[in-house]
Amino acid sequence: MNKSLLLGLLLSLIFAGSALADDHSYQVTGPVLSVSDTSITVQKGKDPWTVSREAGTKVTGDLKVGSKVTITYHMTADTVTVKPAK
């Protein structure tokens, strides 16, 4: 699965609970490739990273294509499936 897609899927639920502080936060920094009401895509090295966002996502400054940004995000598990030991 594409890293950007996986990151976007995981983050779609995370921002709803971002008010809960924990020590599992991460950052991605780079120039903005695209911005929408629901996502921000940043160039990280050779790969585009798409991060989901909501109306309540705090943005400081003028967020637009070409801006250099640092996005702080959290990852949490949506589901866990345990397989029996062989």
C-alpha atoms as a PDB file:
ATOM      1  CA  MET A   1       0.000   0.000   0.000  1.00  0.00           C
ATOM      2  CA  ASN A   2       1.249   3.477  -0.857  1.00  0.00           C
ATOM      3  CA  LYS A   3       2.730   5.332   2.156  1.00  0.00           C
ATOM      4  CA  SER A   4       0.718   8.456   1.395  1.00  0.00           C
ATOM      5  CA  LEU A   5      -2.558   6.553   1.197  1.00  0.00           C
ATOM      6  CA  LEU A   6      -1.850   4.641   4.396  1.00  0.00           C
ATOM      7  CA  LEU A   7      -0.887   7.833   6.196  1.00  0.00           C
ATOM      8  CA  GLY A   8      -4.029   9.560   4.980  1.00  0.00           C
ATOM      9  CA  LEU A   9      -6.236   6.700   6.115  1.00  0.00           C
ATOM     10  CA  LEU A  10      -4.674   6.566   9.554  1.00  0.00           C
ATOM     11  CA  LEU A  11      -4.799  10.302  10.041  1.00  0.00           C
ATOM     12  CA  SER A  12      -8.429  10.657   9.013  1.00  0.00           C
ATOM     13  CA  LEU A  13      -9.487   9.398  12.447  1.00  0.00           C
ATOM     14  CA  ILE A  14      -6.583  10.793  14.414  1.00  0.00           C
ATOM     15  CA  PHE A  15      -7.320  14.499  14.078  1.00  0.00           C
ATOM     16  CA  ALA A  16     -10.718  13.975  15.707  1.00  0.00           C
ATOM     17  CA  GLY A  17      -8.891  12.915  18.877  1.00  0.00           C
ATOM     18  CA  SER A  18      -5.885  15.205  18.555  1.00  0.00           C
ATOM     19  CA  ALA A  19      -6.872  17.111  21.699  1.00  0.00           C
ATOM     20  CA  LEU A  20      -5.643  14.101  23.656  1.00  0.00           C
ATOM     21  CA  ALA A  21      -1.921  14.638  24.064  1.00  0.00           C
ATOM     22  CA  ASP A  22       0.412  11.650  23.951  1.00  0.00           C
ATOM     23  CA  ASP A  23       4.023  10.979  23.124  1.00  0.00           C
ATOM     24  CA  HIS A  24       3.268   9.368  19.746  1.00  0.00           C
ATOM     25  CA  SER A  25       3.430  12.479  17.592  1.00  0.00           C
ATOM     26  CA  TYR A  26       5.331  12.731  14.334  1.00  0.00           C
ATOM     27  CA  GLN A  27       6.252  15.478  11.882  1.00  0.00           C
ATOM     28  CA  VAL A  28       6.590  15.839   8.145  1.00  0.00           C
ATOM     29  CA  THR A  29       8.228  18.938   6.644  1.00  0.00           C
ATOM     30  CA  GLY A  30       8.360  20.078   3.040  1.00  0.00           C
ATOM     31  CA  PRO A  31       6.817  22.227   0.340  1.00  0.00           C
ATOM     32  CA  VAL A  32       3.045  22.027  -0.114  1.00  0.00           C
ATOM     33  CA  LEU A  33       1.981  20.347  -3.373  1.00  0.00           C
ATOM     34  CA  SER A  34      -1.784  20.687  -2.882  1.00  0.00           C
ATOM     35  CA  VAL A  35      -4.313  21.879  -0.323  1.00  0.00           C
ATOM     36  CA  SER A  36      -8.000  21.062   0.080  1.00  0.00           C
ATOM     37  CA  ASP A  37     -10.581  21.213   2.853  1.00  0.00           C
ATOM     38  CA  THR A  38      -9.830  17.569   3.698  1.00  0.00           C
ATOM     39  CA  SER A  39      -6.100  17.123   3.020  1.00  0.00           C
ATOM     40  CA  ILE A  40      -2.649  18.649   2.591  1.00  0.00           C
ATOM     41  CA  THR A  41      -0.044  17.048   0.316  1.00  0.00           C
ATOM     42  CA  VAL A  42       3.626  17.747   1.074  1.00  0.00           C
ATOM     43  CA  GLN A  43       6.743  16.719  -0.884  1.00  0.00           C
ATOM     44  CA  LYS A  44       8.982  14.675   1.451  1.00  0.00           C
ATOM     45  CA  GLY A  45      12.122  13.707  -0.409  1.00  0.00           C
ATOM     46  CA  LYS A  46      10.954  12.036  -3.614  1.00  0.00           C
ATOM     47  CA  ASP A  47       7.539  11.061  -2.209  1.00  0.00           C
ATOM     48  CA  PRO A  48       4.335  13.059  -1.853  1.00  0.00           C
ATOM     49  CA  TRP A  49       2.759  12.636   1.618  1.00  0.00           C
ATOM     50  CA  THR A  50      -0.958  13.314   1.961  1.00  0.00           C
ATOM     51  CA  VAL A  51      -2.227  14.133   5.434  1.00  0.00           C
ATOM     52  CA  SER A  52      -5.952  14.298   6.199  1.00  0.00           C
ATOM     53  CA  ARG A  53      -7.347  17.393   7.880  1.00  0.00           C
ATOM     54  CA  GLU A  54     -10.626  18.641   9.312  1.00  0.00           C
ATOM     55  CA  ALA A  55     -12.212  22.066   9.668  1.00  0.00           C
ATOM     56  CA  GLY A  56     -10.805  22.233  13.207  1.00  0.00           C
ATOM     57  CA  THR A  57      -7.184  21.548  12.193  1.00  0.00           C
ATOM     58  CA  LYS A  58      -5.104  24.476  13.491  1.00  0.00           C
ATOM     59  CA  VAL A  59      -3.216  26.282  10.726  1.00  0.00           C
ATOM     60  CA  THR A  60      -0.778  29.076  11.522  1.00  0.00           C
ATOM     61  CA  GLY A  61       0.190  31.278   8.579  1.00  0.00           C
ATOM     62  CA  ASP A  62      -0.855  31.372   4.910  1.00  0.00           C
ATOM     63  CA  LEU A  63      -1.306  27.757   3.807  1.00  0.00           C
ATOM     64  CA  LYS A  64      -0.977  27.555   0.019  1.00  0.00           C
ATOM     65  CA  VAL A  65       0.785  25.565  -2.687  1.00  0.00           C
ATOM     66  CA  GLY A  66       4.541  26.222  -2.556  1.00  0.00           C
ATOM     67  CA  SER A  67       4.622  27.167   1.143  1.00  0.00           C
ATOM     68  CA  LYS A  68       7.104  25.237   3.285  1.00  0.00           C
ATOM     69  CA  VAL A  69       5.245  23.649   6.190  1.00  0.00           C
ATOM     70  CA  THR A  70       5.803  21.376   9.154  1.00  0.00           C
ATOM     71  CA  ILE A  71       2.807  19.170   9.909  1.00  0.00           C
ATOM     72  CA  THR A  72       2.530  17.490  13.293  1.00  0.00           C
ATOM     73  CA  TYR A  73       0.344  14.392  13.286  1.00  0.00           C
ATOM     74  CA  HIS A  74      -0.535  11.357  15.405  1.00  0.00           C
ATOM     75  CA  MET A  75      -1.093   7.745  14.417  1.00  0.00           C
ATOM     76  CA  THR A  76      -3.461   5.430  16.230  1.00  0.00           C
ATOM     77  CA  ALA A  77      -4.738   1.979  15.399  1.00  0.00           C
ATOM     78  CA  ASP A  78      -8.218   1.784  13.914  1.00  0.00           C
ATOM     79  CA  THR A  79      -8.508  -1.991  14.194  1.00  0.00           C
ATOM     80  CA  VAL A  80      -6.277  -4.837  15.369  1.00  0.00           C
ATOM     81  CA  THR A  81      -6.753  -8.423  14.207  1.00  0.00           C
ATOM     82  CA  VAL A  82      -4.819 -11.060  16.119  1.00  0.00           C
ATOM     83  CA  LYS A  83      -4.158 -14.334  14.351  1.00  0.00           C
ATOM     84  CA  PRO A  84      -3.787 -17.521  16.385  1.00  0.00           C
ATOM     85  CA  ALA A  85      -0.277 -18.859  16.897  1.00  0.00           C
ATOM     86  CA  LYS A  86       0.657 -21.917  14.849  1.00  0.00           C
END
